Amino acid sequence: MSNLTEYENAIEKHSSTLDSMPVPLYSWDFFGEYLDNLKLALSDLSKLKELSKANRWKFNWNFEEELQQDHVIVVTDNSLKIVFTSENTLKMTGYTSEEIVGKTPKMFQGSKTSKKDLKQIREAIDFQKPFEKTIINYKKNGETYSCHIKAFPIFNSKKQVVNFIAFEKAA
């Protein structure tokens, strides 16, 4: 029994030195949301690693950092059909990954999207060069939003473009 008393006294002494406050139970809602987002990010990381391995990407990206910065990640094949989009795309566009995969990024463009910017993006893609642009895109509900895009061609070990990857964020 004396060991238990010593333990309780040690815990009490340690606890009294901490600068902490009790947290109300409703804060667990935030923690639950954090865990859900973490689970989605881990799923995205796993899918991206599989895609990278399957296509023998020459360059390894730090996807964790991009997802932590809340960037949407979109990967297309070399004909610009979307083959992957991160789960956080839903928050930015209103579309689920399932609604996007198989389509092209043109699905987000509309009358307010600058033709000049699209031409510059097309030229960068044709010349297999990275680009960075902010354009007007459209959400599923028709609302516009400014989308900052950093995109890169992805080469395999034979120096062939196999995919394009874009890191996007609402500007």
Protein backbone atom coordinates (compact mmCIF):
# COMPACT_ATOMS: atom_id res chain seq x y z
CA MET A 1 0.00 0.00 0.00
CA SER A 2 2.81 2.43 0.72
CA ASN A 3 4.00 2.08 -2.90
CA LEU A 4 0.58 3.15 -4.14
CA THR A 5 0.53 6.14 -1.81
CA GLU A 6 4.01 7.15 -2.96
CA TYR A 7 2.87 6.86 -6.57
CA GLU A 8 -0.22 9.00 -5.96
CA ASN A 9 1.88 11.61 -4.17
CA ALA A 10 4.38 11.67 -7.05
CA ILE A 11 1.56 12.09 -9.59
CA GLU A 12 0.01 14.89 -7.53
CA LYS A 13 3.37 16.65 -7.20
CA HIS A 14 4.03 16.32 -10.95
CA SER A 15 0.52 17.47 -11.87
CA SER A 16 0.81 20.57 -9.70
CA THR A 17 3.85 21.71 -11.73
CA LEU A 18 2.03 21.46 -15.06
CA ASP A 19 0.42 24.50 -16.60
CA SER A 20 -2.76 22.85 -17.78
CA MET A 21 -6.47 23.27 -17.54
CA PRO A 22 -9.23 20.73 -17.70
CA VAL A 23 -10.74 20.54 -21.18
CA PRO A 24 -14.51 20.43 -21.65
CA LEU A 25 -15.93 17.34 -23.24
CA TYR A 26 -17.12 19.15 -26.39
CA SER A 27 -13.47 19.68 -27.37
CA TRP A 28 -13.42 16.03 -28.37
CA ASP A 29 -15.43 17.04 -31.43
CA PHE A 30 -12.39 18.95 -32.69
CA PHE A 31 -10.15 16.02 -31.91
CA GLY A 32 -12.52 13.69 -33.79
CA GLU A 33 -12.41 15.99 -36.82
CA TYR A 34 -8.62 16.04 -36.60
CA LEU A 35 -8.52 12.24 -36.51
CA ASP A 36 -10.85 12.00 -39.52
CA ASN A 37 -8.62 14.39 -41.50
CA LEU A 38 -5.53 12.46 -40.43
CA LYS A 39 -7.10 9.20 -41.59
CA LEU A 40 -7.92 10.72 -45.00
CA ALA A 41 -4.41 12.14 -45.35
CA LEU A 42 -2.85 8.76 -44.53
CA SER A 43 -5.11 7.12 -47.10
CA ASP A 44 -4.06 9.74 -49.68
CA LEU A 45 -0.39 9.16 -48.85
CA SER A 46 -0.78 5.43 -49.35
CA LYS A 47 -2.50 5.90 -52.72
CA LEU A 48 0.13 8.39 -53.89
CA LYS A 49 2.96 6.05 -52.95
CA GLU A 50 1.27 3.22 -54.88
CA LEU A 51 0.81 5.50 -57.91
CA SER A 52 4.43 6.63 -57.69
CA LYS A 53 5.68 3.07 -57.53
CA ALA A 54 3.40 1.80 -60.31
CA ASN A 55 4.49 4.58 -62.69
CA ARG A 56 8.13 4.51 -61.57
CA TRP A 57 8.29 8.20 -60.78
CA LYS A 58 11.85 9.45 -60.90
CA PHE A 59 11.25 12.14 -58.27
CA ASN A 60 9.86 11.57 -54.78
CA TRP A 61 7.58 14.31 -53.48
CA ASN A 62 6.98 15.28 -49.88
CA PHE A 63 3.25 14.65 -50.00
CA GLU A 64 2.90 14.82 -46.21
CA GLU A 65 4.02 18.43 -46.17
CA GLU A 66 1.65 19.38 -49.00
CA LEU A 67 -1.31 17.72 -47.28
CA GLN A 68 -0.41 19.33 -43.94
CA GLN A 69 -0.54 22.70 -45.69
CA ASP A 70 -4.06 21.71 -46.76
CA HIS A 71 -3.10 21.62 -50.44
CA VAL A 72 -5.27 19.62 -52.77
CA ILE A 73 -3.20 17.17 -54.81
CA VAL A 74 -4.35 16.28 -58.32
CA VAL A 75 -2.53 13.77 -60.53
CA THR A 76 -3.32 13.29 -64.20
CA ASP A 77 -2.00 10.82 -66.72
CA ASN A 78 -0.03 12.19 -69.67
CA SER A 79 -3.27 12.78 -71.60
CA LEU A 80 -4.53 14.94 -68.68
CA LYS A 81 -7.22 12.55 -67.41
CA ILE A 82 -7.34 12.78 -63.62
CA VAL A 83 -6.13 9.53 -62.03
CA PHE A 84 -5.95 10.73 -58.42
CA THR A 85 -7.21 13.58 -56.29
CA SER A 86 -6.76 13.97 -52.56
CA GLU A 87 -9.79 13.63 -50.34
CA ASN A 88 -9.60 17.27 -49.25
CA THR A 89 -10.71 18.23 -52.77
CA LEU A 90 -14.28 18.01 -51.49
CA LYS A 91 -13.74 21.01 -49.18
CA MET A 92 -12.36 23.19 -51.97
CA THR A 93 -14.57 22.19 -54.90
CA GLY A 94 -17.63 20.38 -53.58
CA TYR A 95 -16.73 17.34 -55.72
CA THR A 96 -15.78 13.96 -54.29
CA SER A 97 -12.74 12.15 -55.62
CA GLU A 98 -15.04 9.62 -57.27
CA GLU A 99 -16.76 12.40 -59.25
CA ILE A 100 -13.44 13.78 -60.48
CA VAL A 101 -11.32 10.75 -61.39
CA GLY A 102 -11.51 9.99 -65.12
CA LYS A 103 -12.30 13.59 -66.08
CA THR A 104 -9.94 16.41 -67.05
CA PRO A 105 -9.23 19.60 -65.07
CA LYS A 106 -11.40 21.45 -67.59
CA MET A 107 -14.36 20.39 -65.45
CA PHE A 108 -13.41 23.21 -63.03
CA GLN A 109 -13.21 25.92 -65.69
CA GLY A 110 -15.89 28.24 -66.98
CA SER A 111 -16.59 31.59 -68.59
CA LYS A 112 -14.66 33.58 -65.95
CA THR A 113 -11.54 31.43 -66.32
CA SER A 114 -8.90 33.46 -68.19
CA LYS A 115 -8.26 32.12 -71.71
CA LYS A 116 -4.82 33.74 -71.60
CA ASP A 117 -3.91 31.83 -68.41
CA LEU A 118 -5.24 28.59 -69.87
CA LYS A 119 -3.11 29.12 -72.99
CA GLN A 120 -0.01 29.64 -70.83
CA ILE A 121 -0.81 26.51 -68.84
CA ARG A 122 -1.31 24.54 -72.05
CA GLU A 123 2.06 25.73 -73.38
CA ALA A 124 3.82 24.68 -70.15
CA ILE A 125 2.20 21.24 -70.38
CA ASP A 126 3.10 20.88 -74.07
CA PHE A 127 6.72 21.79 -73.30
CA GLN A 128 6.70 19.53 -70.22
CA LYS A 129 7.61 22.42 -67.93
CA PRO A 130 6.43 23.22 -64.40
CA PHE A 131 4.10 26.18 -63.96
CA GLU A 132 2.50 28.25 -61.24
CA LYS A 133 -0.72 30.19 -61.82
CA THR A 134 -3.75 31.50 -60.00
CA ILE A 135 -6.92 31.04 -62.03
CA ILE A 136 -10.66 31.30 -61.52
CA ASN A 137 -12.21 27.86 -61.12
CA TYR A 138 -15.76 26.72 -60.46
CA LYS A 139 -17.13 24.65 -57.59
CA LYS A 140 -19.76 21.98 -58.04
CA ASN A 141 -22.46 24.46 -56.95
CA GLY A 142 -21.36 26.96 -59.65
CA GLU A 143 -19.56 29.38 -57.32
CA THR A 144 -16.20 30.70 -58.49
CA TYR A 145 -13.01 30.60 -56.45
CA SER A 146 -9.40 31.61 -57.03
CA CYS A 147 -7.25 28.52 -57.29
CA HIS A 148 -3.49 28.78 -56.90
CA ILE A 149 -1.86 25.92 -58.82
CA LYS A 150 1.74 24.69 -58.73
CA ALA A 151 2.07 21.91 -61.30
CA PHE A 152 4.90 19.70 -62.48
CA PRO A 153 5.43 17.02 -65.11
CA ILE A 154 6.46 13.68 -63.61
CA PHE A 155 9.06 11.64 -65.43
CA ASN A 156 9.84 7.97 -65.09
CA SER A 157 13.33 6.47 -65.12
CA LYS A 158 13.31 6.52 -68.95
CA LYS A 159 12.76 10.32 -68.85
CA GLN A 160 9.23 9.95 -70.25
CA VAL A 161 6.35 12.02 -68.87
CA VAL A 162 3.98 9.60 -67.20
CA ASN A 163 1.91 11.98 -65.09
CA PHE A 164 1.39 15.60 -64.15
CA ILE A 165 0.93 16.58 -60.53
CA ALA A 166 -0.65 19.77 -59.23
CA PHE A 167 -0.66 21.17 -55.71
CA GLU A 168 -3.64 23.48 -55.40
CA LYS A 169 -5.01 25.82 -52.77
CA ALA A 170 -7.88 28.26 -52.73
CA ALA A 171 -6.22 31.68 -52.99
